[in-house]
């Protein structure tokens, strides 16, 4: 699967990411340099993203969300209407730069709620190793097809179709497909 955002139609539009990054950075009063430093990314990368160009990976966007104290969904999800339908194969997709892992945002936290819902698509190969998210984050995962190993980096669990797994998202965690075509639904609960 390509990590090139211009090669697919179902990605989080760069203009949404650009506006969201700028809005959230200004909300917390950080300079480009300070946010880049806190997120562990190059200032030039952040500058490109705020300008509406670049090729952000899920790792980059998660790091920015953690540095800003917001869920990743706030950076990639445009405002929605009351009724929302996302057809299979549509929705803002974010790709890993280190693994065959795609997270498609299905629902983000509206004001007052504390959860985001993603559809995951994984292929065997390198694991998606995640740095800790905001304190108190819990990830809930249900496997739709295939098998995977997921959970805390030091205690991953093998799960299959229909299995449910909950684990702390504020600790290092991992996700790796054991079969081609592995998919799942992940709910990220924020405090």
N, C-alpha and C. Protein backbone atom coordinates (compact mmCIF):
# COMPACT_ATOMS: atom_id res chain seq x y z
N UNK A 1 0.85 -1.18 0.00
CA UNK A 1 0.00 0.00 0.00
C UNK A 1 0.88 1.23 0.00
N UNK A 2 0.57 2.20 -0.78
CA UNK A 2 1.37 3.42 -0.89
C UNK A 2 1.16 4.34 0.30
N UNK A 3 2.23 4.98 0.74
CA UNK A 3 2.14 5.99 1.78
C UNK A 3 1.98 7.37 1.16
N UNK A 4 1.96 7.48 -0.17
CA UNK A 4 1.85 8.76 -0.86
C UNK A 4 0.41 9.22 -0.84
N UNK A 5 0.14 10.30 -0.11
CA UNK A 5 -1.23 10.77 0.06
C UNK A 5 -1.83 11.22 -1.25
N UNK A 6 -1.03 11.68 -2.20
CA UNK A 6 -1.59 12.13 -3.47
C UNK A 6 -2.04 10.96 -4.33
N UNK A 7 -1.63 9.74 -3.97
CA UNK A 7 -1.96 8.57 -4.77
C UNK A 7 -3.32 7.98 -4.44
N UNK A 8 -3.95 8.46 -3.39
CA UNK A 8 -5.25 7.90 -3.02
C UNK A 8 -6.26 9.02 -2.79
N UNK A 9 -7.52 8.72 -2.99
CA UNK A 9 -8.58 9.72 -2.83
C UNK A 9 -9.15 9.77 -1.43
N UNK A 10 -8.94 8.74 -0.63
CA UNK A 10 -9.62 8.65 0.65
C UNK A 10 -8.72 9.04 1.81
N UNK A 11 -8.01 10.11 1.67
CA UNK A 11 -7.12 10.56 2.73
C UNK A 11 -7.69 11.77 3.43
N UNK A 12 -7.11 12.05 4.59
CA UNK A 12 -7.47 13.28 5.29
C UNK A 12 -6.91 14.43 4.45
N UNK A 13 -7.75 15.32 3.96
CA UNK A 13 -7.27 16.40 3.10
C UNK A 13 -6.21 17.24 3.80
N UNK A 14 -5.14 17.53 3.06
CA UNK A 14 -4.05 18.30 3.65
C UNK A 14 -4.52 19.67 4.10
N UNK A 15 -5.53 20.24 3.42
CA UNK A 15 -6.00 21.55 3.85
C UNK A 15 -6.68 21.48 5.22
N UNK A 16 -7.32 20.36 5.53
CA UNK A 16 -7.92 20.17 6.86
C UNK A 16 -6.82 20.05 7.90
N UNK A 17 -5.82 19.23 7.61
CA UNK A 17 -4.70 19.05 8.53
C UNK A 17 -3.99 20.38 8.74
N UNK A 18 -3.75 21.11 7.67
CA UNK A 18 -3.08 22.40 7.74
C UNK A 18 -3.82 23.37 8.67
N UNK A 19 -5.10 23.54 8.42
CA UNK A 19 -5.91 24.47 9.23
C UNK A 19 -5.99 24.00 10.68
N UNK A 20 -6.13 22.70 10.89
CA UNK A 20 -6.24 22.16 12.25
C UNK A 20 -4.95 22.36 13.03
N UNK A 21 -3.82 22.09 12.39
CA UNK A 21 -2.53 22.27 13.07
C UNK A 21 -2.34 23.73 13.48
N UNK A 22 -2.59 24.62 12.55
CA UNK A 22 -2.44 26.05 12.84
C UNK A 22 -3.37 26.48 13.97
N UNK A 23 -4.65 26.05 13.88
CA UNK A 23 -5.65 26.39 14.91
C UNK A 23 -5.23 25.89 16.29
N UNK A 24 -4.83 24.62 16.37
CA UNK A 24 -4.47 24.03 17.65
C UNK A 24 -3.16 24.60 18.18
N UNK A 25 -2.20 24.87 17.31
CA UNK A 25 -0.93 25.44 17.76
C UNK A 25 -1.15 26.84 18.32
N UNK A 26 -1.97 27.62 17.63
CA UNK A 26 -2.27 28.98 18.11
C UNK A 26 -3.10 28.94 19.40
N UNK A 27 -4.00 27.95 19.51
CA UNK A 27 -4.83 27.82 20.72
C UNK A 27 -3.97 27.64 21.96
N UNK A 28 -2.90 26.84 21.85
CA UNK A 28 -2.05 26.60 23.01
C UNK A 28 -0.87 27.58 23.09
N UNK A 29 -0.76 28.49 22.10
CA UNK A 29 0.25 29.54 22.14
C UNK A 29 1.68 29.07 21.91
N UNK A 30 1.86 28.10 21.00
CA UNK A 30 3.20 27.60 20.71
C UNK A 30 3.70 28.13 19.37
N UNK A 31 4.99 28.38 19.30
CA UNK A 31 5.62 28.74 18.03
C UNK A 31 5.80 27.46 17.21
N UNK A 32 6.09 27.62 15.91
CA UNK A 32 6.40 26.46 15.08
C UNK A 32 7.58 25.69 15.67
N UNK A 33 8.62 26.43 16.08
CA UNK A 33 9.82 25.79 16.62
C UNK A 33 9.52 24.98 17.88
N UNK A 34 8.74 25.57 18.78
CA UNK A 34 8.44 24.89 20.04
C UNK A 34 7.58 23.65 19.81
N UNK A 35 6.56 23.74 18.96
CA UNK A 35 5.72 22.57 18.69
C UNK A 35 6.55 21.48 18.02
N UNK A 36 7.37 21.83 17.05
CA UNK A 36 8.21 20.84 16.37
C UNK A 36 9.12 20.14 17.38
N UNK A 37 9.71 20.91 18.29
CA UNK A 37 10.60 20.36 19.32
C UNK A 37 9.83 19.39 20.22
N UNK A 38 8.64 19.80 20.70
CA UNK A 38 7.84 18.95 21.59
C UNK A 38 7.39 17.66 20.90
N UNK A 39 7.12 17.75 19.59
CA UNK A 39 6.65 16.58 18.83
C UNK A 39 7.80 15.72 18.33
N UNK A 40 9.03 16.24 18.42
CA UNK A 40 10.18 15.48 17.94
C UNK A 40 10.26 15.39 16.43
N UNK A 41 9.78 16.45 15.75
CA UNK A 41 9.85 16.48 14.28
C UNK A 41 10.60 17.73 13.85
N UNK A 42 11.02 17.77 12.61
CA UNK A 42 11.73 18.92 12.08
C UNK A 42 10.78 20.11 11.94
N UNK A 43 11.27 21.30 12.23
CA UNK A 43 10.47 22.51 12.06
C UNK A 43 10.03 22.65 10.61
N UNK A 44 10.90 22.27 9.66
CA UNK A 44 10.55 22.37 8.24
C UNK A 44 9.37 21.46 7.90
N UNK A 45 9.30 20.28 8.55
CA UNK A 45 8.17 19.37 8.33
C UNK A 45 6.87 20.00 8.80
N UNK A 46 6.91 20.57 10.00
CA UNK A 46 5.72 21.22 10.55
C UNK A 46 5.31 22.41 9.68
N UNK A 47 6.28 23.18 9.26
CA UNK A 47 6.00 24.33 8.40
C UNK A 47 5.32 23.90 7.10
N UNK A 48 5.83 22.82 6.50
CA UNK A 48 5.22 22.30 5.27
C UNK A 48 3.78 21.85 5.52
N UNK A 49 3.55 21.16 6.65
CA UNK A 49 2.20 20.68 6.95
C UNK A 49 1.24 21.85 7.15
N UNK A 50 1.69 22.87 7.86
CA UNK A 50 0.82 24.04 8.06
C UNK A 50 0.58 24.79 6.76
N UNK A 51 1.50 24.65 5.81
CA UNK A 51 1.33 25.29 4.51
C UNK A 51 0.47 24.45 3.57
N UNK A 52 0.07 23.27 4.01
CA UNK A 52 -0.80 22.42 3.19
C UNK A 52 -0.05 21.52 2.24
N UNK A 53 1.22 21.25 2.53
CA UNK A 53 1.98 20.32 1.69
C UNK A 53 2.65 19.31 2.60
N UNK A 54 3.34 18.36 2.01
CA UNK A 54 4.00 17.33 2.80
C UNK A 54 3.27 16.02 2.71
N UNK A 55 3.74 15.06 3.46
CA UNK A 55 3.22 13.70 3.42
C UNK A 55 3.21 13.14 4.84
N UNK A 56 2.29 13.61 5.69
CA UNK A 56 2.33 13.22 7.10
C UNK A 56 1.94 11.76 7.32
N UNK A 57 2.73 11.08 8.14
CA UNK A 57 2.42 9.70 8.52
C UNK A 57 1.59 9.73 9.80
N UNK A 58 1.03 8.59 10.15
CA UNK A 58 0.27 8.48 11.39
C UNK A 58 1.18 8.79 12.58
N UNK A 59 2.46 8.38 12.49
CA UNK A 59 3.38 8.65 13.59
C UNK A 59 3.58 10.15 13.79
N UNK A 60 3.75 10.89 12.70
CA UNK A 60 3.94 12.34 12.78
C UNK A 60 2.70 13.01 13.36
N UNK A 61 1.52 12.62 12.88
CA UNK A 61 0.29 13.25 13.36
C UNK A 61 0.00 12.90 14.81
N UNK A 62 0.28 11.66 15.23
CA UNK A 62 0.10 11.29 16.64
C UNK A 62 1.03 12.12 17.52
N UNK A 63 2.30 12.27 17.08
CA UNK A 63 3.27 13.05 17.87
C UNK A 63 2.80 14.49 18.00
N UNK A 64 2.27 15.06 16.94
CA UNK A 64 1.76 16.43 17.00
C UNK A 64 0.54 16.52 17.92
N UNK A 65 -0.36 15.55 17.83
CA UNK A 65 -1.53 15.54 18.70
C UNK A 65 -1.14 15.47 20.17
N UNK A 66 -0.17 14.60 20.50
CA UNK A 66 0.29 14.48 21.88
C UNK A 66 0.92 15.80 22.32
N UNK A 67 1.76 16.39 21.48
CA UNK A 67 2.42 17.65 21.82
C UNK A 67 1.41 18.78 22.02
N UNK A 68 0.29 18.74 21.28
CA UNK A 68 -0.75 19.76 21.40
C UNK A 68 -1.78 19.42 22.48
N UNK A 69 -1.76 18.18 22.98
CA UNK A 69 -2.73 17.76 23.99
C UNK A 69 -4.11 17.53 23.42
N UNK A 70 -4.17 17.09 22.14
CA UNK A 70 -5.46 16.83 21.49
C UNK A 70 -5.43 15.45 20.84
N UNK A 71 -6.58 14.81 20.68
CA UNK A 71 -6.63 13.54 19.95
C UNK A 71 -6.25 13.76 18.49
N UNK A 72 -5.63 12.76 17.88
CA UNK A 72 -5.27 12.82 16.47
C UNK A 72 -6.46 13.22 15.61
N UNK A 73 -7.64 12.76 15.96
CA UNK A 73 -8.83 13.04 15.15
C UNK A 73 -9.08 14.53 14.99
N UNK A 74 -8.72 15.33 15.97
CA UNK A 74 -8.94 16.77 15.88
C UNK A 74 -8.08 17.40 14.78
N UNK A 75 -7.02 16.68 14.37
CA UNK A 75 -6.14 17.20 13.33
C UNK A 75 -6.57 16.78 11.92
N UNK A 76 -7.34 15.70 11.81
CA UNK A 76 -7.65 15.17 10.47
C UNK A 76 -9.13 15.16 10.10
N UNK A 77 -10.01 15.45 11.05
CA UNK A 77 -11.44 15.29 10.79
C UNK A 77 -12.11 16.65 10.58
N UNK A 78 -12.65 16.88 9.39
CA UNK A 78 -13.36 18.15 9.17
C UNK A 78 -14.69 18.17 9.93
N UNK A 79 -15.26 19.35 10.15
CA UNK A 79 -16.58 19.43 10.81
C UNK A 79 -17.61 18.59 10.05
N UNK A 80 -18.56 18.01 10.79
CA UNK A 80 -19.55 17.13 10.16
C UNK A 80 -20.97 17.59 10.48
N UNK A 81 -21.89 17.01 9.75
CA UNK A 81 -23.30 17.25 10.00
C UNK A 81 -23.79 16.23 11.03
N UNK A 82 -25.05 16.32 11.42
CA UNK A 82 -25.62 15.43 12.44
C UNK A 82 -25.68 13.98 11.99
N UNK A 83 -26.00 13.71 10.73
CA UNK A 83 -26.04 12.35 10.21
C UNK A 83 -24.82 12.17 9.31
N UNK A 84 -24.09 11.10 9.56
CA UNK A 84 -22.85 10.89 8.80
C UNK A 84 -22.76 9.45 8.36
N UNK A 85 -22.47 9.24 7.09
CA UNK A 85 -22.26 7.91 6.54
C UNK A 85 -20.87 7.91 5.92
N UNK A 86 -20.08 6.91 6.27
CA UNK A 86 -18.78 6.71 5.63
C UNK A 86 -18.83 5.34 4.98
N UNK A 87 -18.81 5.31 3.68
CA UNK A 87 -18.86 4.05 2.94
C UNK A 87 -17.53 3.33 3.06
N UNK A 88 -17.56 2.00 2.93
CA UNK A 88 -16.33 1.21 2.96
C UNK A 88 -15.36 1.76 1.92
N UNK A 89 -14.12 1.92 2.32
CA UNK A 89 -13.11 2.44 1.41
C UNK A 89 -13.04 3.96 1.37
N UNK A 90 -13.89 4.65 2.13
CA UNK A 90 -13.88 6.11 2.18
C UNK A 90 -13.47 6.55 3.57
N UNK A 91 -13.31 7.83 3.76
CA UNK A 91 -12.95 8.39 5.06
C UNK A 91 -11.49 8.80 5.08
N UNK A 92 -11.14 9.67 6.02
CA UNK A 92 -9.75 10.15 6.10
C UNK A 92 -8.83 9.04 6.59
N UNK A 93 -7.96 8.56 5.70
CA UNK A 93 -7.04 7.47 6.02
C UNK A 93 -5.65 8.02 6.30
N UNK A 94 -5.01 7.44 7.29
CA UNK A 94 -3.65 7.83 7.66
C UNK A 94 -2.81 6.57 7.65
N UNK A 95 -1.65 6.66 7.01
CA UNK A 95 -0.79 5.50 6.84
C UNK A 95 0.43 5.57 7.74
N UNK A 96 0.89 4.41 8.17
CA UNK A 96 2.12 4.32 8.95
C UNK A 96 3.30 4.41 8.00
N UNK A 97 4.37 5.02 8.45
CA UNK A 97 5.58 5.06 7.64
C UNK A 97 6.48 3.86 7.93
N UNK A 98 6.15 3.06 8.95
CA UNK A 98 7.01 1.96 9.37
C UNK A 98 6.36 0.58 9.24
N UNK A 99 5.07 0.52 8.95
CA UNK A 99 4.38 -0.77 8.89
C UNK A 99 3.25 -0.70 7.88
N UNK A 100 2.75 -1.87 7.47
CA UNK A 100 1.57 -1.93 6.59
C UNK A 100 0.34 -1.75 7.46
N UNK A 101 0.04 -0.51 7.80
CA UNK A 101 -0.99 -0.16 8.79
C UNK A 101 -1.69 1.09 8.31
N UNK A 102 -3.00 1.02 8.18
CA UNK A 102 -3.80 2.17 7.79
C UNK A 102 -4.91 2.35 8.82
N UNK A 103 -5.05 3.57 9.33
CA UNK A 103 -6.12 3.90 10.27
C UNK A 103 -7.05 4.89 9.59
N UNK A 104 -8.29 4.52 9.40
CA UNK A 104 -9.28 5.38 8.79
C UNK A 104 -10.23 5.87 9.87
N UNK A 105 -10.23 7.18 10.09
CA UNK A 105 -11.07 7.76 11.12
C UNK A 105 -12.54 7.64 10.73
N UNK A 106 -13.33 7.02 11.60
CA UNK A 106 -14.76 6.87 11.36
C UNK A 106 -15.57 7.90 12.15
N UNK A 107 -15.16 8.18 13.37
CA UNK A 107 -15.87 9.16 14.20
C UNK A 107 -14.90 9.76 15.19
N UNK A 108 -14.97 11.07 15.32
CA UNK A 108 -14.10 11.75 16.28
C UNK A 108 -14.94 12.26 17.44
N UNK A 109 -14.26 12.71 18.46
CA UNK A 109 -14.94 13.20 19.65
C UNK A 109 -15.66 14.51 19.38
N UNK A 110 -16.96 14.51 19.51
CA UNK A 110 -17.64 15.80 19.51
C UNK A 110 -17.41 16.46 20.87
N UNK A 111 -17.70 17.75 21.01
CA UNK A 111 -17.51 18.38 22.32
C UNK A 111 -18.24 17.58 23.40
N UNK A 112 -17.54 17.34 24.50
CA UNK A 112 -18.13 16.62 25.62
C UNK A 112 -17.92 15.12 25.58
N UNK A 113 -17.61 14.55 24.41
CA UNK A 113 -17.35 13.12 24.31
C UNK A 113 -15.84 12.89 24.38
N UNK A 114 -15.46 11.68 24.64
CA UNK A 114 -14.03 11.39 24.81
C UNK A 114 -13.65 10.11 24.08
N UNK A 115 -13.95 10.01 22.80
CA UNK A 115 -13.61 8.82 22.05
C UNK A 115 -13.51 9.13 20.56
N UNK A 116 -12.66 8.37 19.88
CA UNK A 116 -12.55 8.40 18.43
C UNK A 116 -12.67 6.96 17.96
N UNK A 117 -13.23 6.74 16.76
CA UNK A 117 -13.40 5.40 16.22
C UNK A 117 -12.65 5.30 14.89
N UNK A 118 -11.86 4.24 14.73
CA UNK A 118 -11.06 4.02 13.52
C UNK A 118 -11.33 2.64 12.94
N UNK A 119 -11.20 2.54 11.62
CA UNK A 119 -11.17 1.25 10.94
C UNK A 119 -9.71 1.00 10.61
N UNK A 120 -9.17 -0.16 11.03
CA UNK A 120 -7.77 -0.49 10.78
C UNK A 120 -7.65 -1.51 9.67
N UNK A 121 -6.67 -1.34 8.82
CA UNK A 121 -6.33 -2.31 7.78
C UNK A 121 -4.84 -2.59 7.91
N UNK A 122 -4.48 -3.86 8.12
CA UNK A 122 -3.09 -4.23 8.37
C UNK A 122 -2.68 -5.38 7.46
N UNK A 123 -1.42 -5.42 7.13
CA UNK A 123 -0.84 -6.53 6.38
C UNK A 123 0.37 -7.04 7.15
N UNK A 124 0.68 -8.33 7.01
CA UNK A 124 1.85 -8.87 7.71
C UNK A 124 3.11 -8.10 7.35
N UNK A 125 4.03 -8.06 8.28
CA UNK A 125 5.29 -7.34 8.09
C UNK A 125 5.64 -6.66 9.39
N UNK A 126 6.27 -5.52 9.28
CA UNK A 126 6.70 -4.79 10.47
C UNK A 126 5.50 -4.41 11.32
N UNK A 127 5.71 -4.41 12.62
CA UNK A 127 4.66 -4.01 13.56
C UNK A 127 4.52 -2.50 13.58
N UNK A 128 3.34 -2.02 13.87
CA UNK A 128 3.11 -0.58 14.11
C UNK A 128 3.40 -0.36 15.58
N UNK A 129 4.55 0.22 15.87
CA UNK A 129 4.96 0.50 17.24
C UNK A 129 4.52 1.92 17.58
N UNK A 130 3.68 2.08 18.58
CA UNK A 130 3.13 3.39 18.93
C UNK A 130 3.75 3.91 20.21
N UNK A 131 4.11 5.19 20.17
CA UNK A 131 4.54 5.87 21.38
C UNK A 131 3.30 6.14 22.23
N UNK A 132 3.47 6.40 23.51
CA UNK A 132 2.33 6.69 24.38
C UNK A 132 1.54 7.91 23.89
N UNK A 133 0.22 7.81 23.99
CA UNK A 133 -0.67 8.93 23.69
C UNK A 133 -0.90 9.72 24.98
N UNK A 134 -1.88 10.60 24.98
CA UNK A 134 -2.16 11.42 26.15
C UNK A 134 -2.44 10.54 27.38
N UNK A 135 -2.08 11.05 28.55
CA UNK A 135 -2.29 10.32 29.80
C UNK A 135 -3.76 9.91 29.94
N UNK A 136 -3.98 8.67 30.35
CA UNK A 136 -5.33 8.17 30.56
C UNK A 136 -5.99 7.57 29.33
N UNK A 137 -5.33 7.59 28.18
CA UNK A 137 -5.90 7.04 26.95
C UNK A 137 -6.00 5.52 27.05
N UNK A 138 -7.14 4.97 26.62
CA UNK A 138 -7.35 3.52 26.55
C UNK A 138 -7.76 3.21 25.13
N UNK A 139 -7.16 2.17 24.54
CA UNK A 139 -7.54 1.72 23.20
C UNK A 139 -8.34 0.43 23.31
N UNK A 140 -9.45 0.37 22.56
CA UNK A 140 -10.32 -0.80 22.50
C UNK A 140 -10.26 -1.31 21.06
N UNK A 141 -10.04 -2.60 20.88
CA UNK A 141 -9.85 -3.15 19.54
C UNK A 141 -10.69 -4.41 19.37
N UNK A 142 -11.42 -4.48 18.24
CA UNK A 142 -12.17 -5.67 17.87
C UNK A 142 -11.70 -6.07 16.48
N UNK A 143 -11.31 -7.34 16.31
CA UNK A 143 -10.83 -7.85 15.03
C UNK A 143 -12.02 -8.22 14.14
N UNK A 144 -12.02 -7.68 12.92
CA UNK A 144 -13.09 -7.97 11.95
C UNK A 144 -12.71 -9.11 11.02
N UNK A 145 -11.44 -9.17 10.62
CA UNK A 145 -10.96 -10.24 9.75
C UNK A 145 -9.48 -10.49 10.03
N UNK A 146 -9.06 -11.74 9.85
CA UNK A 146 -7.66 -12.09 10.06
C UNK A 146 -7.31 -12.27 11.52
N UNK A 147 -6.01 -12.16 11.79
CA UNK A 147 -5.49 -12.27 13.14
C UNK A 147 -4.39 -11.23 13.31
N UNK A 148 -4.21 -10.79 14.55
CA UNK A 148 -3.16 -9.82 14.83
C UNK A 148 -2.62 -10.02 16.23
N UNK A 149 -1.47 -9.40 16.47
CA UNK A 149 -0.88 -9.32 17.80
C UNK A 149 -0.93 -7.84 18.15
N UNK A 150 -1.53 -7.49 19.29
CA UNK A 150 -1.69 -6.09 19.66
C UNK A 150 -1.67 -5.94 21.17
N UNK A 151 -1.53 -4.69 21.60
CA UNK A 151 -1.58 -4.37 23.02
C UNK A 151 -0.31 -3.73 23.50
N UNK A 152 -0.09 -3.74 24.82
CA UNK A 152 1.12 -3.13 25.37
C UNK A 152 2.37 -3.74 24.74
N UNK A 153 3.37 -2.91 24.48
CA UNK A 153 4.60 -3.39 23.83
C UNK A 153 5.24 -4.52 24.60
N UNK A 154 5.12 -4.51 25.93
CA UNK A 154 5.74 -5.56 26.74
C UNK A 154 4.82 -6.74 27.01
N UNK A 155 3.54 -6.68 26.60
CA UNK A 155 2.60 -7.78 26.80
C UNK A 155 1.60 -7.89 25.65
N UNK A 156 2.04 -7.97 24.38
CA UNK A 156 1.07 -8.06 23.30
C UNK A 156 0.30 -9.38 23.36
N UNK A 157 -0.92 -9.34 22.80
CA UNK A 157 -1.82 -10.49 22.85
C UNK A 157 -2.24 -10.83 21.42
N UNK A 158 -2.30 -12.12 21.11
CA UNK A 158 -2.80 -12.55 19.80
C UNK A 158 -4.32 -12.59 19.86
N UNK A 159 -4.97 -11.94 18.88
CA UNK A 159 -6.44 -11.91 18.83
C UNK A 159 -6.89 -12.21 17.40
N UNK A 160 -8.11 -12.78 17.29
CA UNK A 160 -8.67 -13.14 16.00
C UNK A 160 -10.06 -12.58 15.83
N UNK A 161 -10.73 -12.99 14.77
CA UNK A 161 -12.05 -12.48 14.40
C UNK A 161 -13.00 -12.51 15.59
N UNK A 162 -13.61 -11.36 15.88
CA UNK A 162 -14.58 -11.24 16.95
C UNK A 162 -13.97 -10.99 18.32
N UNK A 163 -12.65 -11.16 18.46
CA UNK A 163 -12.00 -10.93 19.75
C UNK A 163 -11.95 -9.43 20.06
N UNK A 164 -12.06 -9.11 21.35
CA UNK A 164 -11.99 -7.74 21.85
C UNK A 164 -10.78 -7.62 22.77
N UNK A 165 -10.05 -6.52 22.65
CA UNK A 165 -8.88 -6.26 23.48
C UNK A 165 -8.91 -4.80 23.90
N UNK A 166 -8.69 -4.54 25.18
CA UNK A 166 -8.55 -3.17 25.70
C UNK A 166 -7.19 -3.09 26.38
N UNK A 167 -6.50 -1.96 26.17
CA UNK A 167 -5.17 -1.80 26.75
C UNK A 167 -4.85 -0.31 26.89
N UNK A 168 -3.89 0.01 27.78
CA UNK A 168 -3.52 1.41 27.98
C UNK A 168 -2.85 1.99 26.73
N UNK A 169 -3.40 3.05 26.20
CA UNK A 169 -2.80 3.73 25.05
C UNK A 169 -1.80 4.78 25.48
N UNK A 170 -1.69 5.01 26.78
CA UNK A 170 -0.73 5.99 27.28
C UNK A 170 0.59 5.33 27.67
N UNK A 171 0.80 4.10 27.19
CA UNK A 171 2.05 3.38 27.33
C UNK A 171 2.46 2.93 25.94
N UNK A 172 3.75 2.61 25.71
CA UNK A 172 4.14 2.09 24.39
C UNK A 172 3.28 0.87 24.04
N UNK A 173 2.78 0.82 22.81
CA UNK A 173 1.95 -0.30 22.40
C UNK A 173 2.23 -0.66 20.95
N UNK A 174 1.71 -1.81 20.54
CA UNK A 174 2.06 -2.38 19.25
C UNK A 174 0.84 -2.99 18.57
N UNK A 175 0.93 -3.16 17.25
CA UNK A 175 -0.12 -3.82 16.47
C UNK A 175 0.54 -4.40 15.22
N UNK A 176 0.34 -5.71 14.99
CA UNK A 176 0.96 -6.37 13.85
C UNK A 176 0.02 -7.44 13.30
N UNK A 177 -0.19 -7.43 11.99
CA UNK A 177 -1.04 -8.43 11.34
C UNK A 177 -0.31 -9.77 11.27
N UNK A 178 -1.05 -10.84 11.48
CA UNK A 178 -0.51 -12.19 11.33
C UNK A 178 -1.00 -12.84 10.04
N UNK A 179 -2.03 -12.26 9.42
CA UNK A 179 -2.59 -12.79 8.18
C UNK A 179 -2.84 -11.64 7.21
N UNK A 180 -2.75 -11.90 5.91
CA UNK A 180 -3.10 -10.86 4.94
C UNK A 180 -4.56 -10.45 5.09
N UNK A 181 -4.84 -9.18 4.84
CA UNK A 181 -6.21 -8.70 4.88
C UNK A 181 -6.78 -8.56 6.28
N UNK A 182 -5.94 -8.39 7.27
CA UNK A 182 -6.42 -8.24 8.64
C UNK A 182 -7.04 -6.86 8.83
N UNK A 183 -8.21 -6.81 9.45
CA UNK A 183 -8.90 -5.54 9.71
C UNK A 183 -9.48 -5.55 11.11
N UNK A 184 -9.80 -4.37 11.59
CA UNK A 184 -10.41 -4.25 12.90
C UNK A 184 -10.99 -2.89 13.12
N UNK A 185 -11.73 -2.77 14.19
CA UNK A 185 -12.29 -1.48 14.61
C UNK A 185 -11.61 -1.12 15.93
N UNK A 186 -11.08 0.10 15.98
CA UNK A 186 -10.42 0.57 17.19
C UNK A 186 -11.14 1.81 17.71
N UNK A 187 -11.47 1.78 18.99
CA UNK A 187 -12.03 2.93 19.67
C UNK A 187 -10.95 3.45 20.61
N UNK A 188 -10.59 4.74 20.46
CA UNK A 188 -9.61 5.35 21.33
C UNK A 188 -10.36 6.23 22.31
N UNK A 189 -10.25 5.89 23.59
CA UNK A 189 -10.96 6.59 24.67
C UNK A 189 -9.99 7.55 25.33
N UNK A 190 -10.36 8.83 25.38
CA UNK A 190 -9.52 9.86 25.97
C UNK A 190 -10.13 10.30 27.31
N UNK A 191 -9.29 10.75 28.22
CA UNK A 191 -9.80 11.25 29.49
C UNK A 191 -9.86 12.76 29.45
